[in-house]
Amino acid sequence: MNEPRHDLAHPAFSAGHRSLTRRRFWQLGAAVALTSGATALLPGRTAAAAAQDYFDTAAELAGDDPVLTSLVKALTAGFSVPRPAAPEPLKIFDDVAVLSAGWVSATAILTSGGIILIDALNNPTEAQRYIVSGLRTLGADPAAIKYVVVTHGHGDHFGGAQYLADTYGARVLMAPADWDALASTRPANAPTRDLDITDGQELTLGDTSITLHYTPGHTPGTISPIFPVHWHGTAHTAMVWGGTNPPTSTADKQTYLSSVLSFASKMSQAGVDVELSNHGFCDYGLERMAELRTSPNTTDNPFVLGTSGAQLFMDVMENMLRGRIAQDQESADAAATAAAMAATAPHAGCGC
């Protein structure tokens, strides 16, 4: 069995991966005033200081772990999305394959009753090139795709879904809020509305059941699945965080933060010890695929973080989101100060 790679379960109170100093412990406590929905700061604390406290905490928690440092970079304001080359398809577990276009990936869960596909890439061409061909390369039949679970209503995740539905009869699932958004905006390659996902829904195919949790924030209908996986016959529990990039508005960031906290709790209850992403550049996923490709018989699968490591991943995300919310308040405070100064400035002219 793989040993956990990390020992920290909570960012402020645990030790093992990298202990927090007393100063950092105090800083985190001082910054806690900026909780979801809160706008007041503790006396003497500025929004800029609180934001930096959270970012420093995230960095200390991440240490030199490339999975976590990649997450910190991806959640930093102004991050430039890379466009890496598409890797060859790969079974990263006995029953899970990654079919990637490089910067965005689909995840195929291989069950005794067929395939549950998480996301469908950008368009029909990519679905054919990476999903259909990729499954065939791995010895799987794309006609076995029974369900396409779309994590959220952005084109790079739903773009190939209708092609797979039309070609193989796959059913397409999405949360109602994002189905509604597609109906109102009618983007290219949007699938025809099919099945609605309910919060906490179990989707069963063959011998496998996956649980679909609402995690809004990235979009109103973002969902994140939890499901069983196996590596050389050893059972693990995996998750895919449905939408990484923080939204623009502060209110949506606060919704995102609430989703991080609630999903982390559900992960803990389910014993999640495997972290996966639909954007492999966000979590060192492409590099971990390369590592696994060179050592396919290893017992230490790099995607297995351990239960405490999976929680640490969410702790880093939490601190980065709190920092981004504090940054928003810093900007709002600066705008309010500028407006107040303009309102009280002397008026030019003769004063008649």
Protein backbone atom coordinates (compact mmCIF):
# COMPACT_ATOMS: atom_id res chain seq x y z
CA MET A 1 0.00 0.00 0.00
CA ASN A 2 1.22 3.49 -0.79
CA GLU A 3 2.19 5.59 2.19
CA PRO A 4 0.78 9.15 2.40
CA ARG A 5 3.13 11.72 0.92
CA HIS A 6 2.08 14.46 3.36
CA ASP A 7 1.27 14.65 7.04
CA LEU A 8 -0.60 17.94 7.28
CA ALA A 9 -4.38 17.83 7.41
CA HIS A 10 -5.01 21.50 8.26
CA PRO A 11 -2.95 24.55 7.37
CA ALA A 12 -2.76 26.29 10.72
CA PHE A 13 -2.63 23.58 13.32
CA SER A 14 -0.70 20.58 11.98
CA ALA A 15 3.00 19.82 11.74
CA GLY A 16 4.99 17.33 9.73
CA HIS A 17 5.26 18.49 6.11
CA ARG A 18 6.61 21.89 7.10
CA SER A 19 5.86 23.39 10.50
CA LEU A 20 4.40 26.88 10.67
CA THR A 21 6.31 29.38 12.78
CA ARG A 22 4.59 31.11 15.70
CA ARG A 23 4.61 34.31 13.66
CA ARG A 24 2.85 32.57 10.78
CA PHE A 25 0.38 31.00 13.21
CA TRP A 26 -0.48 34.48 14.50
CA GLN A 27 -0.68 35.89 10.99
CA LEU A 28 -3.15 33.25 9.93
CA GLY A 29 -5.27 33.95 13.00
CA ALA A 30 -5.21 37.65 12.25
CA ALA A 31 -6.25 37.01 8.68
CA VAL A 32 -9.19 34.82 9.64
CA ALA A 33 -11.38 37.93 9.75
CA LEU A 34 -11.57 37.62 5.97
CA THR A 35 -13.79 34.54 5.98
CA SER A 36 -16.35 33.77 3.30
CA GLY A 37 -18.75 36.68 3.09
CA ALA A 38 -16.87 38.78 5.67
CA THR A 39 -15.52 42.23 4.88
CA ALA A 40 -14.30 43.52 8.26
CA LEU A 41 -10.64 43.32 9.19
CA LEU A 42 -9.16 43.02 12.65
CA PRO A 43 -7.90 46.34 14.06
CA GLY A 44 -4.60 47.34 12.57
CA ARG A 45 -4.75 44.84 9.72
CA THR A 46 -5.03 45.91 6.10
CA ALA A 47 -6.52 43.84 3.30
CA ALA A 48 -3.11 43.76 1.59
CA ALA A 49 -1.45 42.37 4.73
CA ALA A 50 -4.18 39.76 5.17
CA ALA A 51 -3.87 38.68 1.54
CA GLN A 52 -0.12 38.25 1.85
CA ASP A 53 -0.58 36.27 5.07
CA TYR A 54 -2.75 33.76 3.25
CA PHE A 55 -0.41 33.53 0.27
CA ASP A 56 2.56 33.03 2.61
CA THR A 57 0.68 30.29 4.44
CA ALA A 58 -0.16 28.55 1.15
CA ALA A 59 3.49 28.73 0.10
CA GLU A 60 4.69 27.33 3.42
CA LEU A 61 2.19 24.49 3.23
CA ALA A 62 3.27 23.75 -0.33
CA GLY A 63 6.96 23.71 0.55
CA ASP A 64 8.87 22.21 -2.36
CA ASP A 65 6.17 19.71 -3.36
CA PRO A 66 5.68 20.25 -7.13
CA VAL A 67 2.01 19.23 -6.97
CA LEU A 68 1.25 21.96 -4.44
CA THR A 69 3.58 24.61 -5.86
CA SER A 70 1.89 24.11 -9.24
CA LEU A 71 -1.47 24.68 -7.55
CA VAL A 72 -0.21 27.88 -5.90
CA LYS A 73 0.95 29.22 -9.28
CA ALA A 74 -2.32 28.28 -11.00
CA LEU A 75 -4.35 30.13 -8.35
CA THR A 76 -2.21 33.27 -8.38
CA ALA A 77 -3.78 36.35 -9.98
CA GLY A 78 -2.43 36.96 -13.47
CA PHE A 79 -1.38 33.35 -14.03
CA SER A 80 -0.78 32.69 -17.72
CA VAL A 81 -2.29 29.42 -18.89
CA PRO A 82 0.31 27.30 -20.70
CA ARG A 83 -0.33 25.27 -23.84
CA PRO A 84 1.77 22.11 -23.39
CA ALA A 85 1.94 19.42 -26.04
CA ALA A 86 -0.60 16.62 -25.82
CA PRO A 87 0.80 13.54 -24.06
CA GLU A 88 0.09 10.03 -25.22
CA PRO A 89 -2.99 8.46 -23.58
CA LEU A 90 -2.17 6.67 -20.35
CA LYS A 91 -3.85 4.43 -17.82
CA ILE A 92 -2.87 6.13 -14.59
CA PHE A 93 -4.74 3.46 -12.60
CA ASP A 94 -5.90 -0.03 -13.45
CA ASP A 95 -9.34 1.42 -14.19
CA VAL A 96 -8.67 5.09 -15.05
CA ALA A 97 -7.21 6.59 -18.22
CA VAL A 98 -6.25 10.19 -18.98
CA LEU A 99 -6.98 11.36 -22.54
CA SER A 100 -5.36 14.75 -22.85
CA ALA A 101 -5.09 17.55 -25.37
CA GLY A 102 -2.25 18.97 -23.27
CA TRP A 103 -3.71 21.90 -21.39
CA VAL A 104 -7.07 20.18 -20.82
CA SER A 105 -7.84 16.51 -20.21
CA ALA A 106 -10.69 14.02 -20.14
CA THR A 107 -10.71 11.20 -17.60
CA ALA A 108 -12.10 7.79 -18.52
CA ILE A 109 -13.33 5.55 -15.70
CA LEU A 110 -13.25 1.98 -16.99
CA THR A 111 -15.97 -0.18 -15.42
CA SER A 112 -17.31 -3.68 -15.98
CA GLY A 113 -20.34 -2.11 -17.70
CA GLY A 114 -18.59 0.40 -19.92
CA ILE A 115 -16.91 3.80 -19.64
CA ILE A 116 -17.85 6.88 -17.65
CA LEU A 117 -16.06 9.84 -19.22
CA ILE A 118 -15.34 12.93 -17.15
CA ASP A 119 -15.31 15.88 -19.61
CA ALA A 120 -15.04 15.82 -23.38
CA LEU A 121 -12.37 18.37 -24.46
CA ASN A 122 -12.89 21.35 -26.79
CA ASN A 123 -14.70 20.11 -29.88
CA PRO A 124 -15.57 17.05 -31.99
CA THR A 125 -12.14 17.05 -33.64
CA GLU A 126 -10.36 16.81 -30.29
CA ALA A 127 -12.84 14.19 -29.10
CA GLN A 128 -11.99 12.05 -32.13
CA ARG A 129 -8.24 12.68 -31.97
CA TYR A 130 -7.63 12.30 -28.25
CA ILE A 131 -10.60 10.49 -26.71
CA VAL A 132 -11.66 8.03 -29.39
CA SER A 133 -8.16 7.30 -30.71
CA GLY A 134 -6.72 7.36 -27.20
CA LEU A 135 -9.12 4.75 -25.92
CA ARG A 136 -8.37 2.52 -28.89
CA THR A 137 -4.64 2.91 -28.28
CA LEU A 138 -5.20 1.68 -24.72
CA GLY A 139 -7.24 -1.28 -25.92
CA ALA A 140 -10.62 0.14 -24.91
CA ASP A 141 -13.64 0.50 -27.19
CA PRO A 142 -14.97 4.09 -27.44
CA ALA A 143 -18.39 2.59 -28.18
CA ALA A 144 -18.37 1.55 -24.52
CA ILE A 145 -18.73 5.21 -23.43
CA LYS A 146 -22.11 5.22 -21.70
CA TYR A 147 -21.97 8.53 -19.84
CA VAL A 148 -20.19 11.85 -20.35
CA VAL A 149 -20.10 13.80 -17.08
CA VAL A 150 -19.35 17.45 -17.82
CA THR A 151 -17.72 19.09 -14.80
CA HIS A 152 -18.82 22.58 -15.85
CA GLY A 153 -20.20 24.56 -18.74
CA HIS A 154 -17.04 25.80 -20.44
CA GLY A 155 -16.29 24.80 -24.00
CA ASP A 156 -13.03 23.03 -23.24
CA HIS A 157 -15.00 20.56 -21.12
CA PHE A 158 -18.24 20.06 -23.05
CA GLY A 159 -17.03 20.63 -26.64
CA GLY A 160 -16.83 16.98 -27.70
CA ALA A 161 -19.82 15.73 -25.70
CA GLN A 162 -22.46 15.96 -28.44
CA TYR A 163 -20.20 14.16 -30.89
CA LEU A 164 -19.83 11.28 -28.43
CA ALA A 165 -23.58 11.26 -27.81
CA ASP A 166 -24.37 11.22 -31.54
CA THR A 167 -21.71 8.65 -32.41
CA TYR A 168 -21.96 6.20 -29.52
CA GLY A 169 -25.28 6.97 -27.84
CA ALA A 170 -23.59 8.28 -24.68
CA ARG A 171 -25.78 10.18 -22.21
CA VAL A 172 -24.51 13.64 -21.24
CA LEU A 173 -24.80 14.90 -17.67
CA MET A 174 -24.34 18.43 -16.34
CA ALA A 175 -25.62 20.41 -13.37
CA PRO A 176 -28.86 22.33 -14.09
CA ALA A 177 -27.27 25.75 -13.50
CA ASP A 178 -24.76 25.19 -16.29
CA TRP A 179 -27.32 23.59 -18.62
CA ASP A 180 -29.34 26.79 -18.11
CA ALA A 181 -26.29 28.95 -18.84
CA LEU A 182 -25.64 27.10 -22.10
CA ALA A 183 -29.28 27.52 -23.10
CA SER A 184 -29.03 31.28 -22.63
CA THR A 185 -25.65 31.80 -24.32
CA ARG A 186 -25.82 29.01 -26.97
CA PRO A 187 -22.06 28.61 -27.46
CA ALA A 188 -20.53 26.57 -30.27
CA ASN A 189 -20.49 22.78 -29.77
CA ALA A 190 -22.83 22.98 -26.78
CA PRO A 191 -24.54 19.61 -26.23
CA THR A 192 -28.30 19.22 -26.31
CA ARG A 193 -29.66 19.19 -22.79
CA ASP A 194 -29.84 15.61 -21.56
CA LEU A 195 -29.48 14.54 -17.90
CA ASP A 196 -29.38 16.87 -14.88
CA ILE A 197 -26.91 16.15 -12.09
CA THR A 198 -28.27 16.42 -8.56
CA ASP A 199 -26.01 17.25 -5.64
CA GLY A 200 -24.54 14.09 -4.14
CA GLN A 201 -25.93 11.93 -6.95
CA GLU A 202 -24.50 8.45 -7.34
CA LEU A 203 -23.94 7.35 -10.93
CA THR A 204 -23.49 3.59 -11.23
CA LEU A 205 -22.19 1.70 -14.24
CA GLY A 206 -21.29 -1.96 -13.95
CA ASP A 207 -19.34 -2.51 -10.74
CA THR A 208 -18.50 1.15 -10.18
CA SER A 209 -20.40 4.00 -8.52
CA ILE A 210 -19.17 7.59 -8.63
CA THR A 211 -20.57 10.42 -6.51
CA LEU A 212 -21.14 13.83 -8.07
CA HIS A 213 -20.95 16.82 -5.73
CA TYR A 214 -21.94 20.41 -6.45
CA THR A 215 -18.88 22.68 -6.10
CA PRO A 216 -20.02 26.00 -7.62
CA GLY A 217 -17.72 28.97 -7.98
CA HIS A 218 -15.74 28.46 -11.15
CA THR A 219 -19.19 28.33 -12.78
CA PRO A 220 -22.58 28.22 -11.07
CA GLY A 221 -22.95 24.52 -11.90
CA THR A 222 -19.45 23.14 -11.39
CA ILE A 223 -19.41 19.58 -10.05
CA SER A 224 -16.57 17.48 -8.64
CA PRO A 225 -16.72 13.66 -8.66
CA ILE A 226 -15.40 11.16 -6.11
CA PHE A 227 -14.89 7.57 -7.26
CA PRO A 228 -13.02 4.33 -6.52
CA VAL A 229 -9.81 3.46 -8.35
CA HIS A 230 -7.28 0.63 -8.17
CA TRP A 231 -3.53 0.45 -8.66
CA HIS A 232 -2.11 -3.05 -9.14
CA GLY A 233 -5.23 -4.29 -7.42
CA THR A 234 -4.98 -2.01 -4.38
CA ALA A 235 -8.08 0.11 -3.78
CA HIS A 236 -7.93 3.90 -3.50
CA THR A 237 -10.46 6.73 -3.68
CA ALA A 238 -10.02 9.56 -6.17
CA MET A 239 -11.45 13.00 -6.75
CA VAL A 240 -11.41 15.44 -9.65
CA TRP A 241 -11.76 19.11 -8.68
CA GLY A 242 -14.19 20.37 -11.30
CA GLY A 243 -13.03 23.94 -11.98
CA THR A 244 -9.73 25.50 -10.94
CA ASN A 245 -9.46 29.11 -12.08
CA PRO A 246 -11.04 31.49 -9.53
CA PRO A 247 -13.92 33.57 -10.93
CA THR A 248 -13.79 37.34 -11.34
CA SER A 249 -16.34 38.60 -8.83
CA THR A 250 -15.71 38.55 -5.08
CA ALA A 251 -19.11 36.97 -4.44
CA ASP A 252 -18.28 34.11 -6.81
CA LYS A 253 -14.88 33.67 -5.15
CA GLN A 254 -16.67 33.40 -1.80
CA THR A 255 -18.94 30.73 -3.31
CA TYR A 256 -15.83 28.95 -4.60
CA LEU A 257 -14.26 29.09 -1.13
CA SER A 258 -17.39 27.60 0.43
CA SER A 259 -17.21 24.80 -2.13
CA VAL A 260 -13.57 24.12 -1.26
CA LEU A 261 -14.45 23.79 2.43
CA SER A 262 -17.52 21.61 1.90
CA PHE A 263 -15.83 19.36 -0.65
CA ALA A 264 -12.78 18.90 1.58
CA SER A 265 -15.15 17.61 4.24
CA LYS A 266 -16.77 15.20 1.79
CA MET A 267 -13.31 14.03 0.70
CA SER A 268 -12.40 13.32 4.30
CA GLN A 269 -15.59 11.35 4.85
CA ALA A 270 -14.97 9.31 1.68
CA GLY A 271 -11.30 8.67 2.45
CA VAL A 272 -10.03 10.36 -0.73
CA ASP A 273 -6.32 9.73 -1.17
CA VAL A 274 -5.95 10.45 -4.91
CA GLU A 275 -6.07 13.95 -6.46
CA LEU A 276 -6.74 14.44 -10.17
CA SER A 277 -7.32 17.54 -12.28
CA ASN A 278 -8.89 18.18 -15.66
CA HIS A 279 -6.06 20.69 -16.26
CA GLY A 280 -2.80 18.83 -15.73
CA PHE A 281 -0.68 21.98 -15.59
CA CYS A 282 -2.50 23.02 -12.39
CA ASP A 283 -1.31 20.10 -10.28
CA TYR A 284 1.84 18.74 -11.92
CA GLY A 285 -0.41 16.14 -13.50
CA LEU A 286 1.33 15.99 -16.87
CA GLU A 287 4.69 15.48 -15.19
CA ARG A 288 3.23 12.78 -12.96
CA MET A 289 1.91 11.05 -16.07
CA ALA A 290 5.42 11.14 -17.54
CA GLU A 291 6.84 9.76 -14.31
CA LEU A 292 4.33 6.92 -14.32
CA ARG A 293 4.95 6.21 -18.00
CA THR A 294 8.60 5.51 -17.29
CA SER A 295 7.82 3.32 -14.25
CA PRO A 296 4.52 1.56 -15.00
CA ASN A 297 5.15 -1.20 -12.47
CA THR A 298 5.87 1.06 -9.52
CA THR A 299 3.86 0.47 -6.36
CA ASP A 300 4.16 4.19 -5.52
CA ASN A 301 1.69 5.77 -7.91
CA PRO A 302 2.47 9.52 -7.97
CA PHE A 303 -1.23 10.38 -8.07
CA VAL A 304 -1.74 8.79 -4.64
CA LEU A 305 -1.13 11.58 -2.12
CA GLY A 306 -2.58 9.81 0.91
CA THR A 307 -5.64 11.09 2.76
CA SER A 308 -3.69 13.79 4.58
CA GLY A 309 -1.99 14.84 1.35
CA ALA A 310 -5.34 15.18 -0.42
CA GLN A 311 -6.57 17.36 2.43
CA LEU A 312 -3.40 19.43 2.24
CA PHE A 313 -4.13 20.05 -1.44
CA MET A 314 -7.49 21.54 -0.41
CA ASP A 315 -5.86 23.51 2.43
CA VAL A 316 -3.52 25.18 -0.06
CA MET A 317 -6.47 25.97 -2.30
CA GLU A 318 -8.39 27.41 0.65
CA ASN A 319 -5.58 29.77 1.62
CA MET A 320 -5.06 30.92 -1.96
CA LEU A 321 -8.78 31.69 -2.30
CA ARG A 322 -8.86 33.60 0.97
CA GLY A 323 -5.90 35.60 -0.27
CA ARG A 324 -7.63 36.36 -3.57
CA ILE A 325 -10.73 37.54 -1.68
CA ALA A 326 -8.54 39.79 0.48
CA GLN A 327 -6.95 41.17 -2.68
CA ASP A 328 -10.42 42.04 -3.95
CA GLN A 329 -11.10 43.93 -0.73
CA GLU A 330 -7.79 45.74 -1.08
CA SER A 331 -8.86 46.91 -4.54
CA ALA A 332 -12.31 47.92 -3.28
CA ASP A 333 -10.77 49.86 -0.39
CA ALA A 334 -8.40 51.66 -2.75
CA ALA A 335 -11.28 52.61 -5.05
CA ALA A 336 -13.34 53.86 -2.11
CA THR A 337 -10.43 55.94 -0.84
CA ALA A 338 -9.86 57.46 -4.27
CA ALA A 339 -13.55 58.30 -4.59
CA ALA A 340 -13.60 59.91 -1.15
CA MET A 341 -10.54 61.99 -1.93
CA ALA A 342 -12.06 63.13 -5.22
CA ALA A 343 -15.27 64.13 -3.47
CA THR A 344 -13.46 66.29 -0.91
CA ALA A 345 -10.86 67.84 -3.23
CA PRO A 346 -11.06 71.63 -3.80
CA HIS A 347 -12.91 72.56 -6.99
CA ALA A 348 -11.05 74.47 -9.65
CA GLY A 349 -12.42 77.77 -10.92
CA CYS A 350 -13.41 81.16 -9.56
CA GLY A 351 -15.82 79.85 -6.95
CA CYS A 352 -18.64 82.15 -8.12
